[in-house]
Amino acid sequence: MAFYVRRYLDEVVARPAVMMDATVRQLIFTLLPSGRCTSELVSRHLGIDRRTLTRRLAARGATFSDILAAVRVELVQRHIKVEGRSLAETAQLLGFSGLPAFSRWFTTNFGMSASHWRAEDSGRGHRP
C-alpha cells in the first residue's frame, strides 16, 4: 500500500499546478478534524516545500487560506444540521481550537451565531 501512496504523491508532485488546488482541498478535508491543518503540514504530505505549495496554488489563482475557508463553509453546513451534535463537536470537526474560536468564525462568516442559525434553520429551512 505504501508503494501506491508514494506513486500517487509522485504523480501529484509531477503535475505542479494542474490539480494542486483539488489535492489541497482533499487533504484539508482529511486533516481538519485532527486540529492540525496548516499549509506546512499539507505541503509535507505532498512532499514539497510550503513556498512551492504557495506558488502552485497561486498559479491556479488560489491560496491555502481561501481553500481552507471554503472547505470549512461547506463542512459547517453539513455538520451543524446533524441532530444531537453539539457546537463544540462541530468546532472540533472543523479544526478550531475551541468553541469560542468557532463562534467568532461563524458569526464573521454568516452574520449570526451558530446557535441562532441552527434555531432559525430548524424553523424555516434557512441555509448559511
Protein backbone atom coordinates (compact mmCIF):
# COMPACT_ATOMS: atom_id res chain seq x y z
CA MET A 1 0.00 0.00 0.00
CA ALA A 2 2.85 2.38 0.80
CA PHE A 3 4.03 1.87 -2.78
CA TYR A 4 0.69 3.10 -4.16
CA VAL A 5 0.58 6.09 -1.81
CA ARG A 6 4.12 7.07 -2.81
CA ARG A 7 3.27 6.64 -6.50
CA TYR A 8 0.17 8.81 -6.11
CA LEU A 9 2.15 11.52 -4.34
CA ASP A 10 4.85 11.36 -7.02
CA GLU A 11 2.18 11.87 -9.68
CA VAL A 12 0.72 14.83 -7.80
CA VAL A 13 4.12 16.46 -7.47
CA ALA A 14 4.79 15.85 -11.17
CA ARG A 15 1.64 17.84 -12.07
CA PRO A 16 2.68 21.12 -10.48
CA ALA A 17 -0.40 23.28 -10.77
CA VAL A 18 -2.93 21.26 -12.71
CA MET A 19 -4.69 19.60 -9.79
CA MET A 20 -2.94 21.21 -6.84
CA ASP A 21 -5.96 23.12 -5.53
CA ALA A 22 -8.16 19.99 -5.66
CA THR A 23 -5.48 17.92 -3.94
CA VAL A 24 -5.01 20.52 -1.22
CA ARG A 25 -8.78 20.66 -0.74
CA GLN A 26 -8.91 16.89 -0.30
CA LEU A 27 -6.06 16.97 2.23
CA ILE A 28 -7.79 19.75 4.17
CA PHE A 29 -10.97 17.66 4.38
CA THR A 30 -8.87 14.83 5.78
CA LEU A 31 -6.75 16.86 8.21
CA LEU A 32 -9.30 19.31 9.64
CA PRO A 33 -10.76 17.03 12.33
CA SER A 34 -7.25 16.42 13.71
CA GLY A 35 -7.00 20.12 14.58
CA ARG A 36 -3.67 20.22 12.75
CA CYS A 37 -4.36 21.53 9.29
CA THR A 38 -1.71 24.01 8.23
CA SER A 39 -0.09 24.82 4.92
CA GLU A 40 3.14 23.44 6.36
CA LEU A 41 1.54 20.09 7.17
CA VAL A 42 -0.25 19.87 3.82
CA SER A 43 2.97 20.63 1.95
CA ARG A 44 4.76 17.96 3.98
CA HIS A 45 2.08 15.43 2.99
CA LEU A 46 2.68 16.39 -0.63
CA GLY A 47 6.44 16.13 -0.25
CA ILE A 48 7.05 19.73 -1.29
CA ASP A 49 8.17 22.92 0.41
CA ARG A 50 5.49 25.25 1.79
CA ARG A 51 6.63 28.01 -0.57
CA THR A 52 6.29 25.64 -3.52
CA LEU A 53 2.74 24.88 -2.41
CA THR A 54 2.02 28.61 -2.20
CA ARG A 55 3.40 29.21 -5.70
CA ARG A 56 1.49 26.30 -7.23
CA LEU A 57 -1.77 27.42 -5.67
CA ALA A 58 -1.12 30.99 -6.84
CA ALA A 59 -0.66 29.65 -10.38
CA ARG A 60 -4.25 28.39 -10.08
CA GLY A 61 -5.47 31.68 -8.59
CA ALA A 62 -5.90 30.19 -5.12
CA THR A 63 -4.44 30.49 -1.65
CA PHE A 64 -4.30 27.95 1.15
CA SER A 65 -6.40 30.24 3.36
CA ASP A 66 -9.12 30.60 0.72
CA ILE A 67 -9.33 26.83 0.20
CA LEU A 68 -9.41 26.22 3.96
CA ALA A 69 -12.21 28.77 4.39
CA ALA A 70 -14.25 27.26 1.54
CA VAL A 71 -13.89 23.76 2.98
CA ARG A 72 -14.98 24.97 6.41
CA VAL A 73 -18.05 26.72 4.96
CA GLU A 74 -19.00 23.55 3.11
CA LEU A 75 -18.46 21.32 6.13
CA VAL A 76 -20.22 23.57 8.64
CA GLN A 77 -23.37 23.40 6.53
CA ARG A 78 -23.29 19.61 6.86
CA HIS A 79 -22.17 19.28 10.47
CA ILE A 80 -24.37 21.92 12.07
CA LYS A 81 -27.52 20.19 10.84
CA VAL A 82 -26.70 16.86 12.48
CA GLU A 83 -29.23 16.42 15.23
CA GLY A 84 -27.63 15.83 18.60
CA ARG A 85 -24.21 17.12 17.54
CA SER A 86 -23.01 19.85 19.86
CA LEU A 87 -21.48 23.05 18.56
CA ALA A 88 -18.28 22.13 20.42
CA GLU A 89 -18.09 18.88 18.44
CA THR A 90 -18.77 20.78 15.22
CA ALA A 91 -15.96 23.20 16.12
CA GLN A 92 -13.59 20.28 16.64
CA LEU A 93 -14.55 18.65 13.33
CA LEU A 94 -13.77 21.93 11.57
CA GLY A 95 -10.34 22.14 13.17
CA PHE A 96 -10.96 25.02 15.57
CA SER A 97 -9.08 25.18 18.86
CA GLY A 98 -12.34 25.54 20.74
CA LEU A 99 -15.92 26.75 20.72
CA PRO A 100 -15.04 30.47 21.15
CA ALA A 101 -12.83 30.46 18.02
CA PHE A 102 -15.53 28.62 16.06
CA SER A 103 -18.22 31.04 17.29
CA ARG A 104 -16.21 34.08 16.18
CA TRP A 105 -15.55 32.49 12.77
CA PHE A 106 -19.20 31.53 12.30
CA THR A 107 -20.52 34.97 13.25
CA THR A 108 -17.99 36.67 10.96
CA ASN A 109 -18.89 34.43 8.01
CA PHE A 110 -22.66 34.11 8.45
CA GLY A 111 -23.66 37.26 10.33
CA MET A 112 -25.22 35.44 13.28
CA SER A 113 -24.27 32.96 15.96
CA ALA A 114 -24.25 29.26 15.14
CA SER A 115 -26.92 28.56 17.75
CA HIS A 116 -29.13 31.32 16.32
CA TRP A 117 -28.66 29.96 12.79
CA ARG A 118 -29.45 26.44 13.99
CA ALA A 119 -32.67 27.66 15.65
CA GLU A 120 -33.73 29.60 12.54
CA ASP A 121 -32.84 26.69 10.26
CA SER A 122 -34.97 24.26 12.22
CA GLY A 123 -37.89 26.68 11.88
CA ARG A 124 -37.62 27.72 8.23
CA GLY A 125 -35.01 25.72 6.34
CA HIS A 126 -32.60 28.71 6.19
CA ARG A 127 -29.08 27.94 4.90
CA PRO A 128 -25.94 29.97 5.58
